[in-house]
Amino acid sequence: MRMKIGVVGIVGLCALFALGGSSAARASAADKAGEKQIDIKDVPAAARAAIEKEVGEAAITRVVEGSDADGGKPTYYEAKYTLGDKKLAVRVSPDGKVISKGDDAG
C-alpha cells in the first residue's frame, strides 16, 4: 500500500516537529528559572576576583547570577568563557570559592 502525502501533510508534519522543539526549549528555560544574566561588573568583588583569576585572559561570553529560589538571595555566579576553541564555565560562591569549573555543557 502506497501513501500519498500532499502539501498539507508536509506542513502538518513540520508544525508537529516545531511544537516538539518549542516545548523542549520551554523545559530548558524552566530548568534555569533561578538564574538571571548580569554584567561582570555587578558580581560581588570576591566572586568577581575568583572568576577573573580562573578565566585569565579568555573572553567572558556570559555571566549569570543563580539562586535556589526565584528571586532569592544569590547562591552562585557563573561565567561562561571561550579559551581557544573550547567553551568553558566556572561557578563560584558569593564569597569567591570555586564551586565547579570545566567544559560548558549548556
Protein backbone atom coordinates (compact mmCIF):
# COMPACT_ATOMS: atom_id res chain seq x y z
CA MET A 1 0.00 0.00 0.00
CA ARG A 2 1.41 3.33 -1.05
CA MET A 3 0.70 6.50 0.94
CA LYS A 4 0.40 9.94 -0.63
CA ILE A 5 1.38 12.95 1.39
CA GLY A 6 0.39 16.28 -0.02
CA VAL A 7 1.49 19.79 0.85
CA VAL A 8 -0.98 19.87 3.75
CA GLY A 9 0.51 16.69 5.19
CA ILE A 10 4.05 18.04 4.94
CA VAL A 11 3.05 21.34 6.56
CA GLY A 12 1.34 19.39 9.34
CA LEU A 13 4.47 17.32 9.97
CA CYS A 14 6.62 20.48 10.08
CA ALA A 15 4.23 22.04 12.59
CA LEU A 16 4.37 18.90 14.73
CA PHE A 17 8.17 18.97 14.82
CA ALA A 18 8.19 22.71 15.55
CA LEU A 19 5.86 22.25 18.52
CA GLY A 20 8.04 19.48 19.91
CA GLY A 21 11.11 21.72 19.69
CA SER A 22 9.41 24.64 21.40
CA SER A 23 8.35 22.50 24.35
CA ALA A 24 11.96 21.36 24.73
CA ALA A 25 13.06 25.00 24.76
CA ARG A 26 10.45 25.78 27.43
CA ALA A 27 11.72 22.86 29.54
CA SER A 28 15.29 24.12 29.20
CA ALA A 29 14.24 27.61 30.29
CA ALA A 30 12.35 26.18 33.26
CA ASP A 31 15.49 24.32 34.38
CA LYS A 32 17.27 27.67 34.74
CA ALA A 33 14.44 29.59 36.39
CA GLY A 34 16.65 30.64 39.30
CA GLU A 35 19.25 32.25 37.03
CA LYS A 36 19.47 35.72 35.54
CA GLN A 37 22.07 37.17 33.23
CA ILE A 38 24.12 40.02 34.68
CA ASP A 39 27.18 42.07 33.82
CA ILE A 40 30.54 41.05 35.31
CA LYS A 41 30.78 44.46 36.99
CA ASP A 42 27.66 43.60 39.02
CA VAL A 43 29.26 40.50 40.57
CA PRO A 44 30.43 40.99 44.20
CA ALA A 45 34.16 41.75 44.46
CA ALA A 46 35.24 38.38 45.96
CA ALA A 47 33.29 36.36 43.39
CA ARG A 48 34.45 38.60 40.52
CA ALA A 49 38.11 38.23 41.59
CA ALA A 50 37.77 34.43 41.67
CA ILE A 51 36.13 34.40 38.23
CA GLU A 52 38.80 36.68 36.76
CA LYS A 53 41.57 34.52 38.26
CA GLU A 54 40.09 31.33 36.75
CA VAL A 55 39.29 32.87 33.36
CA GLY A 56 42.59 34.69 32.94
CA GLU A 57 42.86 36.41 29.55
CA ALA A 58 39.99 34.41 27.99
CA ALA A 59 36.91 36.20 26.68
CA ILE A 60 33.89 36.01 29.02
CA THR A 61 30.78 35.45 26.92
CA ARG A 62 28.10 35.36 29.63
CA VAL A 63 27.70 35.82 33.39
CA VAL A 64 24.70 34.59 35.37
CA GLU A 65 23.62 35.00 38.96
CA GLY A 66 21.89 31.94 40.36
CA SER A 67 19.70 31.39 43.38
CA ASP A 68 17.91 28.41 44.90
CA ALA A 69 14.55 30.18 44.80
CA ASP A 70 13.16 32.55 42.18
CA GLY A 71 14.17 35.99 43.37
CA GLY A 72 16.00 34.56 46.37
CA LYS A 73 19.43 35.50 47.68
CA PRO A 74 22.18 34.67 45.12
CA THR A 75 23.96 31.40 45.88
CA TYR A 76 26.43 31.39 42.94
CA TYR A 77 27.82 33.31 40.00
CA GLU A 78 28.73 31.51 36.79
CA ALA A 79 30.90 32.83 33.96
CA LYS A 80 30.94 31.20 30.56
CA TYR A 81 34.03 31.88 28.50
CA THR A 82 35.96 30.80 25.44
CA LEU A 83 39.59 29.72 25.54
CA GLY A 84 40.88 28.90 22.07
CA ASP A 85 38.16 26.73 20.54
CA LYS A 86 36.89 25.42 23.91
CA LYS A 87 33.76 26.69 25.62
CA LEU A 88 34.24 26.61 29.39
CA ALA A 89 32.43 27.69 32.56
CA VAL A 90 33.36 28.46 36.14
CA ARG A 91 30.88 28.69 39.03
CA VAL A 92 31.81 30.47 42.25
CA SER A 93 30.07 31.23 45.54
CA PRO A 94 29.33 34.86 46.52
CA ASP A 95 32.40 34.77 48.81
CA GLY A 96 34.69 33.69 45.95
CA LYS A 97 35.09 29.95 46.49
CA VAL A 98 35.21 27.93 43.25
CA ILE A 99 32.25 25.53 43.19
CA SER A 100 32.91 23.97 39.78
CA LYS A 101 34.78 24.54 36.55
CA GLY A 102 35.23 22.80 33.24
CA ASP A 103 33.51 22.32 29.90
CA ASP A 104 30.38 24.37 29.34
CA ALA A 105 27.62 21.82 28.84
CA GLY A 106 24.91 24.32 28.03
